[in-house]
């Protein structure tokens, strides 16, 4: 592990052992944040690309008493870029200055495959995980085991082996009374919240069907540089490799599938799907261009899931539900053709990317922590189950997906390792594991 910006390391949160009675008397919650809310939320960010840097900005404008104190990423240039960007925000962003929040990461910027360990040991009490999803189960487990409050981006795994680790961490977080929020920001978005409340109150009756789309053009690729070895090339181009991103049904479409699970208050029991890849550029790895999945829910209702990354086509990122008494378009905040909130309320609502941090910090300071880890794990497995069906051409049940032995993460990562691009899945030939 390497560290740059060498200097004296300040111990921001001194470790202290206490009896349960002592903790209660002091008012200190797990992770070192006082119930009274007077202590600083000391943030460590693991994963310093665009989303990690964006999440850093979000938390800086989410509440008072926030200080970003540590950064970690596999790559030094990512850490340096994130530090520069966040330090600029601390100096120039009016909202950050109004709240009095700070960025103080010099001497606590780490890079390498184990950078997350250094971040956890750098005096933080609130960790943001924004690495490629393949790393998330390991990082979630380590964060909870270290007794830190957690904001994790979605999805939280790329296979069922990872999901089981995340569910175990969710139980551990509950036992430790640690706060956990996930990057399924629609659950913190006023319009979605009000729409879902009306659905759950029965305004469209029992749900009998639905559909959800994430259809768009091809996203990004990172051309390989001659000096990059296999691991660095794939990690920098992570979106195009299933072991790192889960394919786009998992990495992106999980948002819409989470809305479906939220509406049905449960997860599907089975999935039957199809998908294919037409792109031939090897810099796009081995992911599919599209997926179409039929999910069956416990009450017998079916939901059509569709996600596509093919340019110059009709695009839609949306959800729709059909009930015995009517319909809803959650993404449009509509129930039976009428708005669930007014335009004025919609305009006044806080950015959900900020609100999710506000809600987590508020729950920590009140001593009534939220824990969203099980919900996001189930929504992630919903997406994984769809991918498993599309890759193989087989029907996949929730029970089978939950117990799947598939483990996409290489056993041991090293910068000089040989790492071939996996073959593209072929339905009817690829085995269901």
Protein backbone atom coordinates (compact mmCIF):
# COMPACT_ATOMS: atom_id res chain seq x y z
CA UNK A 1 0.00 0.00 0.00
CA UNK A 2 1.22 3.46 -0.88
CA UNK A 3 0.40 6.79 0.63
CA UNK A 4 1.10 10.23 -0.78
CA UNK A 5 1.14 13.67 0.82
CA UNK A 6 3.23 12.31 3.66
CA UNK A 7 2.89 14.14 6.93
CA UNK A 8 1.87 13.76 10.51
CA UNK A 9 -1.34 11.79 10.71
CA UNK A 10 -3.88 13.38 12.96
CA UNK A 11 -6.06 11.00 14.90
CA UNK A 12 -9.51 12.46 14.33
CA UNK A 13 -11.47 9.85 16.25
CA UNK A 14 -9.66 8.32 19.17
CA UNK A 15 -10.59 4.73 19.76
CA UNK A 16 -12.07 4.15 23.16
CA UNK A 17 -13.43 1.11 24.88
CA UNK A 18 -16.43 1.49 27.10
CA UNK A 19 -19.02 -0.59 28.81
CA UNK A 20 -22.59 -0.47 27.54
CA UNK A 21 -23.50 1.74 30.48
CA UNK A 22 -20.64 4.09 29.71
CA UNK A 23 -21.72 4.40 26.10
CA UNK A 24 -25.26 5.17 27.14
CA UNK A 25 -24.13 7.85 29.58
CA UNK A 26 -21.82 9.51 27.07
CA UNK A 27 -24.44 9.58 24.33
CA UNK A 28 -21.97 8.19 21.79
CA UNK A 29 -23.40 6.01 19.04
CA UNK A 30 -21.47 3.35 17.12
CA UNK A 31 -19.06 4.97 14.71
CA UNK A 32 -18.18 7.76 17.13
CA UNK A 33 -21.05 10.15 16.36
CA UNK A 34 -22.81 11.67 19.35
CA UNK A 35 -26.56 11.33 19.63
CA UNK A 36 -26.78 15.07 20.28
CA UNK A 37 -25.42 15.67 16.81
CA UNK A 38 -22.66 18.03 17.96
CA UNK A 39 -19.74 15.89 16.79
CA UNK A 40 -18.41 16.02 13.28
CA UNK A 41 -19.38 13.46 10.66
CA UNK A 42 -15.89 12.49 9.51
CA UNK A 43 -16.16 11.05 6.03
CA UNK A 44 -13.87 8.64 4.23
CA UNK A 45 -14.46 8.01 0.52
CA UNK A 46 -13.45 4.71 -1.07
CA UNK A 47 -13.60 4.98 -4.85
CA UNK A 48 -12.63 8.41 -6.16
CA UNK A 49 -13.98 8.42 -9.70
CA UNK A 50 -16.91 10.49 -10.88
CA UNK A 51 -19.48 8.94 -8.55
CA UNK A 52 -17.24 9.01 -5.50
CA UNK A 53 -16.34 12.63 -6.12
CA UNK A 54 -20.01 13.45 -6.73
CA UNK A 55 -21.02 11.70 -3.50
CA UNK A 56 -18.38 13.72 -1.69
CA UNK A 57 -20.00 16.90 -2.95
CA UNK A 58 -23.43 15.58 -1.98
CA UNK A 59 -22.44 14.86 1.62
CA UNK A 60 -20.76 18.27 1.95
CA UNK A 61 -24.08 20.01 1.27
CA UNK A 62 -26.28 17.49 3.13
CA UNK A 63 -25.91 18.69 6.73
CA UNK A 64 -23.79 20.81 9.04
CA UNK A 65 -20.79 19.36 10.81
CA UNK A 66 -19.37 17.33 7.91
CA UNK A 67 -15.66 16.95 7.20
CA UNK A 68 -14.12 14.75 4.53
CA UNK A 69 -10.92 13.45 6.08
CA UNK A 70 -9.71 10.52 3.93
CA UNK A 71 -9.74 9.31 0.34
CA UNK A 72 -8.87 5.93 -1.16
CA UNK A 73 -8.77 4.47 -4.66
CA UNK A 74 -6.85 1.86 -6.58
CA UNK A 75 -5.30 4.59 -8.72
CA UNK A 76 -3.28 7.58 -7.57
CA UNK A 77 -4.52 9.89 -10.32
CA UNK A 78 -8.11 9.26 -9.19
CA UNK A 79 -7.28 10.15 -5.60
CA UNK A 80 -5.44 13.31 -6.62
CA UNK A 81 -8.25 14.44 -8.92
CA UNK A 82 -10.89 13.82 -6.27
CA UNK A 83 -8.90 15.69 -3.61
CA UNK A 84 -8.41 18.67 -5.91
CA UNK A 85 -12.08 18.77 -6.85
CA UNK A 86 -13.39 18.48 -3.30
CA UNK A 87 -10.91 21.02 -1.94
CA UNK A 88 -12.11 23.42 -4.62
CA UNK A 89 -15.71 22.87 -3.53
CA UNK A 90 -14.81 23.54 0.10
CA UNK A 91 -13.32 26.87 -0.99
CA UNK A 92 -15.79 27.98 -3.65
CA UNK A 93 -19.17 26.27 -3.17
CA UNK A 94 -21.51 28.70 -1.38
CA UNK A 95 -23.62 25.96 0.21
CA UNK A 96 -20.57 24.15 1.57
CA UNK A 97 -19.24 27.42 3.00
CA UNK A 98 -22.65 28.30 4.46
CA UNK A 99 -22.74 24.99 6.33
CA UNK A 100 -19.15 25.40 7.49
CA UNK A 101 -18.13 21.99 6.17
CA UNK A 102 -14.52 21.09 5.40
CA UNK A 103 -12.23 18.95 3.31
CA UNK A 104 -9.05 18.00 5.16
CA UNK A 105 -7.51 15.00 3.39
CA UNK A 106 -3.84 15.88 3.06
CA UNK A 107 -1.82 13.07 4.56
CA UNK A 108 -4.80 10.73 4.34
CA UNK A 109 -5.00 10.03 0.59
CA UNK A 110 -4.31 6.38 -0.23
CA UNK A 111 -4.01 4.39 -3.41
CA UNK A 112 -3.62 0.71 -4.23
CA UNK A 113 -5.74 -2.43 -4.04
CA UNK A 114 -5.92 -2.20 -0.23
CA UNK A 115 -6.56 1.54 0.00
CA UNK A 116 -9.93 0.88 1.66
CA UNK A 117 -8.17 -0.52 4.70
CA UNK A 118 -6.17 2.68 5.15
CA UNK A 119 -9.30 4.79 4.83
CA UNK A 120 -11.06 2.77 7.54
CA UNK A 121 -8.07 3.33 9.81
CA UNK A 122 -7.84 7.09 9.17
CA UNK A 123 -10.17 8.43 11.84
CA UNK A 124 -13.43 8.24 9.87
CA UNK A 125 -16.87 7.45 11.26
CA UNK A 126 -18.87 7.63 7.99
CA UNK A 127 -17.71 5.76 4.90
CA UNK A 128 -18.82 6.29 1.31
CA UNK A 129 -18.26 3.29 -0.97
CA UNK A 130 -18.20 4.18 -4.67
CA UNK A 131 -15.84 1.62 -6.17
CA UNK A 132 -16.86 -0.66 -9.06
CA UNK A 133 -19.57 -2.99 -7.67
CA UNK A 134 -17.45 -6.13 -7.82
CA UNK A 135 -15.46 -4.85 -4.84
CA UNK A 136 -18.45 -3.80 -2.81
CA UNK A 137 -19.16 -6.97 -0.77
CA UNK A 138 -15.60 -7.01 0.59
CA UNK A 139 -15.66 -3.28 1.32
CA UNK A 140 -19.11 -3.39 2.93
CA UNK A 141 -18.08 -6.24 5.22
CA UNK A 142 -14.87 -4.44 6.22
CA UNK A 143 -16.69 -1.15 6.88
CA UNK A 144 -19.32 -2.72 9.12
CA UNK A 145 -16.74 -4.88 10.90
CA UNK A 146 -14.81 -1.66 11.64
CA UNK A 147 -17.92 -0.15 13.26
CA UNK A 148 -18.41 2.67 10.75
CA UNK A 149 -21.66 4.15 9.47
CA UNK A 150 -22.00 3.47 5.76
CA UNK A 151 -23.26 5.00 2.57
CA UNK A 152 -22.87 2.47 -0.22
CA UNK A 153 -23.54 3.04 -3.86
CA UNK A 154 -25.69 0.55 -5.69
CA UNK A 155 -25.52 -2.24 -6.75
CA UNK A 156 -23.94 -3.98 -3.79
CA UNK A 157 -22.64 -7.10 -5.56
CA UNK A 158 -22.34 -8.76 -8.95
CA UNK A 159 -23.17 -12.34 -7.95
CA UNK A 160 -25.00 -14.31 -5.26
CA UNK A 161 -21.78 -15.08 -3.41
CA UNK A 162 -21.36 -11.35 -2.87
CA UNK A 163 -25.01 -10.89 -1.93
CA UNK A 164 -24.71 -13.42 0.88
CA UNK A 165 -21.76 -11.46 2.28
CA UNK A 166 -23.77 -8.24 2.10
CA UNK A 167 -26.79 -9.76 3.86
CA UNK A 168 -24.52 -11.01 6.63
CA UNK A 169 -23.11 -7.48 6.93
CA UNK A 170 -26.67 -6.10 7.11
CA UNK A 171 -27.34 -8.29 10.13
CA UNK A 172 -24.05 -7.22 11.70
CA UNK A 173 -24.92 -3.54 11.13
CA UNK A 174 -28.27 -4.03 12.88
CA UNK A 175 -26.57 -5.64 15.86
CA UNK A 176 -24.08 -2.78 16.11
CA UNK A 177 -26.80 -0.16 15.47
CA UNK A 178 -24.87 1.28 12.56
CA UNK A 179 -26.59 3.49 10.01
CA UNK A 180 -26.55 2.32 6.38
CA UNK A 181 -27.99 4.11 3.36
CA UNK A 182 -27.75 2.97 -0.26
CA UNK A 183 -27.52 4.77 -3.58
CA UNK A 184 -31.07 3.82 -4.58
CA UNK A 185 -31.87 7.51 -4.32
CA UNK A 186 -35.45 7.16 -5.56
CA UNK A 187 -36.33 5.98 -2.02
CA UNK A 188 -35.29 9.46 -0.82
CA UNK A 189 -36.99 11.37 -3.66
CA UNK A 190 -40.15 13.20 -2.59
CA UNK A 191 -42.13 12.43 -5.72
CA UNK A 192 -41.40 8.71 -5.54
CA UNK A 193 -42.09 8.61 -1.80
CA UNK A 194 -45.50 10.24 -2.17
CA UNK A 195 -46.38 8.08 -5.17
CA UNK A 196 -45.42 4.91 -3.35
CA UNK A 197 -47.40 5.94 -0.29
CA UNK A 198 -50.55 6.18 -2.42
CA UNK A 199 -49.85 2.82 -4.03
CA UNK A 200 -49.34 1.19 -0.64
CA UNK A 201 -52.49 2.88 0.66
CA UNK A 202 -54.42 1.00 -2.04
CA UNK A 203 -55.31 3.76 -4.50
CA UNK A 204 -54.68 1.48 -7.49
CA UNK A 205 -55.74 -1.70 -5.68
CA UNK A 206 -53.80 -4.93 -5.64
CA UNK A 207 -50.87 -4.87 -8.05
CA UNK A 208 -51.41 -7.24 -10.96
CA UNK A 209 -48.63 -6.22 -13.35
CA UNK A 210 -46.06 -3.69 -14.36
CA UNK A 211 -43.04 -2.85 -16.44
CA UNK A 212 -39.78 -0.98 -16.01
CA UNK A 213 -37.31 0.31 -18.59
CA UNK A 214 -33.76 1.63 -18.71
CA UNK A 215 -33.19 2.01 -22.44
CA UNK A 216 -30.43 4.30 -23.70
CA UNK A 217 -27.47 4.49 -26.05
CA UNK A 218 -24.09 2.87 -25.57
CA UNK A 219 -22.21 4.26 -22.60
CA UNK A 220 -18.48 4.76 -22.20
CA UNK A 221 -15.36 2.75 -22.79
CA UNK A 222 -11.74 3.43 -21.83
CA UNK A 223 -9.20 2.57 -24.55
CA UNK A 224 -6.33 0.49 -23.23
CA UNK A 225 -2.95 2.18 -22.90
CA UNK A 226 0.17 0.16 -23.82
CA UNK A 227 1.61 0.40 -20.31
CA UNK A 228 -1.51 -1.02 -18.64
CA UNK A 229 -1.46 -4.66 -17.67
CA UNK A 230 -4.63 -6.75 -17.72
CA UNK A 231 -5.97 -5.88 -14.28
CA UNK A 232 -5.49 -2.13 -14.62
CA UNK A 233 -6.98 -2.16 -18.12
CA UNK A 234 -10.13 -3.93 -16.92
CA UNK A 235 -10.47 -1.89 -13.73
CA UNK A 236 -10.20 1.40 -15.60
CA UNK A 237 -12.73 0.09 -18.11
CA UNK A 238 -14.80 -1.54 -15.34
CA UNK A 239 -18.24 -0.85 -16.76
CA UNK A 240 -17.65 -3.32 -19.59
CA UNK A 241 -16.71 -6.36 -17.48
CA UNK A 242 -19.30 -8.41 -15.60
CA UNK A 243 -16.98 -9.30 -12.70
CA UNK A 244 -16.66 -5.58 -11.99
CA UNK A 245 -20.07 -4.11 -12.91
CA UNK A 246 -22.49 -7.04 -13.09
CA UNK A 247 -23.50 -5.98 -16.64
CA UNK A 248 -25.76 -2.98 -17.16
CA UNK A 249 -28.89 -4.77 -15.94
CA UNK A 250 -27.23 -4.89 -12.52
CA UNK A 251 -25.25 -1.64 -12.58
CA UNK A 252 -28.02 0.66 -13.85
CA UNK A 253 -31.34 -1.10 -14.22
CA UNK A 254 -31.23 -2.01 -10.52
CA UNK A 255 -32.79 1.42 -9.89
CA UNK A 256 -36.01 0.53 -11.74
CA UNK A 257 -36.10 -2.99 -10.34
CA UNK A 258 -35.77 -1.51 -6.86
CA UNK A 259 -38.88 0.59 -7.55
CA UNK A 260 -40.77 -2.58 -8.52
CA UNK A 261 -39.69 -4.39 -5.35
CA UNK A 262 -40.59 -1.30 -3.32
CA UNK A 263 -44.07 -1.22 -4.86
CA UNK A 264 -44.69 -4.94 -4.37
CA UNK A 265 -43.06 -4.87 -0.89
CA UNK A 266 -41.12 -7.98 -1.82
CA UNK A 267 -38.85 -9.52 -4.44
CA UNK A 268 -39.74 -11.72 -7.43
CA UNK A 269 -39.93 -15.50 -7.14
CA UNK A 270 -38.58 -16.21 -10.63
CA UNK A 271 -37.19 -14.71 -13.82
CA UNK A 272 -37.24 -15.78 -17.47
CA UNK A 273 -35.26 -13.61 -19.82
CA UNK A 274 -33.25 -13.05 -22.93
CA UNK A 275 -30.42 -10.84 -24.03
CA UNK A 276 -27.72 -10.46 -26.63
CA UNK A 277 -24.56 -8.61 -27.66
CA UNK A 278 -24.04 -7.11 -31.10
CA UNK A 279 -21.14 -4.72 -30.45
CA UNK A 280 -17.81 -6.08 -31.62
CA UNK A 281 -15.32 -3.54 -30.25
CA UNK A 282 -13.19 -5.44 -27.67
CA UNK A 283 -12.88 -2.26 -25.59
CA UNK A 284 -16.55 -2.85 -24.67
CA UNK A 285 -15.52 -6.02 -22.85
CA UNK A 286 -18.08 -8.81 -22.95
CA UNK A 287 -21.35 -7.28 -21.66
CA UNK A 288 -24.70 -7.57 -23.45
CA UNK A 289 -26.42 -4.83 -25.44
CA UNK A 290 -29.89 -5.61 -24.12
CA UNK A 291 -31.92 -7.62 -21.64
CA UNK A 292 -35.64 -8.40 -21.53
CA UNK A 293 -36.82 -10.21 -18.40
CA UNK A 294 -40.21 -11.44 -17.24
CA UNK A 295 -40.29 -11.35 -13.43
CA UNK A 296 -43.00 -13.15 -11.49
CA UNK A 297 -43.91 -11.86 -8.03
CA UNK A 298 -45.39 -13.95 -5.18
CA UNK A 299 -49.00 -12.93 -5.92
CA UNK A 300 -48.69 -14.17 -9.50
CA UNK A 301 -48.23 -10.70 -10.99
CA UNK A 302 -45.70 -10.30 -13.80
CA UNK A 303 -43.36 -7.37 -14.46
CA UNK A 304 -41.62 -6.81 -17.78
CA UNK A 305 -38.09 -5.52 -17.29
CA UNK A 306 -36.23 -4.10 -20.27
CA UNK A 307 -32.83 -2.45 -20.47
CA UNK A 308 -30.86 -1.63 -23.59
CA UNK A 309 -27.66 0.12 -24.59
CA UNK A 310 -27.91 0.58 -28.34
CA UNK A 311 -27.49 4.04 -29.83
CA UNK A 312 -29.98 5.73 -32.18
CA UNK A 313 -32.98 3.94 -30.66
CA UNK A 314 -36.03 5.05 -28.68
CA UNK A 315 -34.99 5.69 -25.09
CA UNK A 316 -36.94 5.44 -21.84
CA UNK A 317 -36.04 5.28 -18.15
CA UNK A 318 -39.38 4.69 -16.47
CA UNK A 319 -41.70 2.50 -14.43
CA UNK A 320 -45.40 1.64 -14.71
CA UNK A 321 -47.74 -0.35 -12.47
CA UNK A 322 -51.19 -1.81 -13.02
CA UNK A 323 -53.56 -2.56 -10.15
CA UNK A 324 -57.11 -3.81 -9.80
CA UNK A 325 -58.32 -0.21 -9.33
CA UNK A 326 -56.04 1.77 -11.62
CA UNK A 327 -52.51 2.53 -12.73
CA UNK A 328 -49.42 4.44 -11.65
CA UNK A 329 -46.34 5.87 -13.36
CA UNK A 330 -43.90 6.22 -10.44
CA UNK A 331 -41.19 8.01 -12.43
CA UNK A 332 -43.77 10.65 -13.42
CA UNK A 333 -45.15 10.79 -9.84
CA UNK A 334 -48.61 9.90 -11.15
CA UNK A 335 -51.39 7.78 -9.64
CA UNK A 336 -54.48 7.17 -11.74
CA UNK A 337 -53.40 9.94 -14.07
CA UNK A 338 -53.09 12.55 -11.33
CA UNK A 339 -49.91 13.98 -9.77
CA UNK A 340 -48.93 12.63 -6.38
CA UNK A 341 -47.25 15.96 -5.56
CA UNK A 342 -47.65 19.47 -6.92
CA UNK A 343 -45.17 21.07 -9.28
CA UNK A 344 -44.24 23.52 -6.54
CA UNK A 345 -43.45 20.65 -4.16
CA UNK A 346 -41.44 18.95 -6.86
CA UNK A 347 -39.40 22.09 -7.57
CA UNK A 348 -38.79 22.69 -3.85
CA UNK A 349 -37.69 19.13 -3.10
CA UNK A 350 -34.07 18.47 -2.21
CA UNK A 351 -31.90 16.70 -4.75
CA UNK A 352 -32.29 13.01 -3.79
CA UNK A 353 -28.54 12.47 -4.17
CA UNK A 354 -28.17 14.95 -1.31
CA UNK A 355 -31.29 13.88 0.61
CA UNK A 356 -30.05 10.31 1.04
CA UNK A 357 -27.04 11.64 2.97
CA UNK A 358 -29.19 14.09 4.92
CA UNK A 359 -31.50 11.26 5.97
CA UNK A 360 -28.63 9.00 7.02
CA UNK A 361 -26.84 11.70 9.02
CA UNK A 362 -30.10 12.76 10.67
CA UNK A 363 -30.84 9.15 11.66
CA UNK A 364 -27.36 8.76 13.14
CA UNK A 365 -27.61 11.92 15.19
CA UNK A 366 -31.05 11.02 16.49
CA UNK A 367 -29.90 7.56 17.48
CA UNK A 368 -32.56 6.01 15.24
CA UNK A 369 -30.36 4.68 12.47
CA UNK A 370 -31.74 3.53 9.16
CA UNK A 371 -30.47 0.35 7.51
CA UNK A 372 -31.19 -0.01 3.80
CA UNK A 373 -28.73 -2.80 3.13
CA UNK A 374 -31.20 -5.67 2.88
CA UNK A 375 -33.47 -3.80 0.46
CA UNK A 376 -30.64 -2.89 -1.89
CA UNK A 377 -29.20 -6.42 -1.63
CA UNK A 378 -32.54 -7.92 -2.66
CA UNK A 379 -32.93 -5.47 -5.55
CA UNK A 380 -29.38 -6.25 -6.66
CA UNK A 381 -30.11 -9.99 -6.56
CA UNK A 382 -33.27 -9.34 -8.57
CA UNK A 383 -31.08 -7.86 -11.31
CA UNK A 384 -28.51 -10.65 -10.99
CA UNK A 385 -31.28 -13.25 -11.32
CA UNK A 386 -32.41 -11.60 -14.57
CA UNK A 387 -28.86 -11.60 -15.94
CA UNK A 388 -28.43 -15.27 -15.01
CA UNK A 389 -31.55 -16.15 -16.98
CA UNK A 390 -30.59 -14.07 -20.01
CA UNK A 391 -27.02 -15.37 -20.10
CA UNK A 392 -28.14 -19.01 -19.98
CA UNK A 393 -31.63 -19.05 -21.47
CA UNK A 394 -32.94 -20.80 -18.35
CA UNK A 395 -35.69 -19.94 -15.90
CA UNK A 396 -34.10 -18.89 -12.61
CA UNK A 397 -35.94 -19.01 -9.30
CA UNK A 398 -35.17 -16.77 -6.34
CA UNK A 399 -34.21 -19.82 -4.31
CA UNK A 400 -31.70 -20.96 -6.94
CA UNK A 401 -30.27 -17.46 -7.41
CA UNK A 402 -29.89 -16.99 -3.65
CA UNK A 403 -27.91 -20.22 -3.34
CA UNK A 404 -25.90 -19.86 -6.56
CA UNK A 405 -22.22 -20.73 -6.18
CA UNK A 406 -21.16 -18.34 -8.93
CA UNK A 407 -18.28 -16.15 -7.73
CA UNK A 408 -17.04 -13.74 -10.39
CA UNK A 409 -14.29 -12.12 -8.32
CA UNK A 410 -10.81 -13.50 -9.14
CA UNK A 411 -9.38 -15.36 -6.17
CA UNK A 412 -6.42 -13.04 -5.65
CA UNK A 413 -5.79 -9.73 -7.39
CA UNK A 414 -2.32 -8.57 -8.36
CA UNK A 415 -1.29 -5.84 -10.77
CA UNK A 416 0.84 -8.24 -12.83
CA UNK A 417 -1.75 -11.04 -13.03
CA UNK A 418 -2.94 -12.49 -16.32
CA UNK A 419 -6.63 -11.67 -16.75
CA UNK A 420 -8.29 -12.61 -20.01
CA UNK A 421 -11.54 -11.05 -21.19
CA UNK A 422 -14.26 -13.64 -20.47
CA UNK A 423 -16.18 -15.09 -23.39
CA UNK A 424 -19.52 -13.50 -24.20
CA UNK A 425 -22.37 -15.50 -22.69
CA UNK A 426 -24.38 -17.60 -25.18
CA UNK A 427 -27.94 -18.54 -24.16
CA UNK A 428 -28.44 -22.28 -24.48
CA UNK A 429 -24.71 -22.92 -24.07
CA UNK A 430 -23.61 -20.92 -21.04
CA UNK A 431 -24.14 -23.01 -17.93
CA UNK A 432 -26.38 -21.93 -15.09
CA UNK A 433 -24.30 -22.02 -11.92
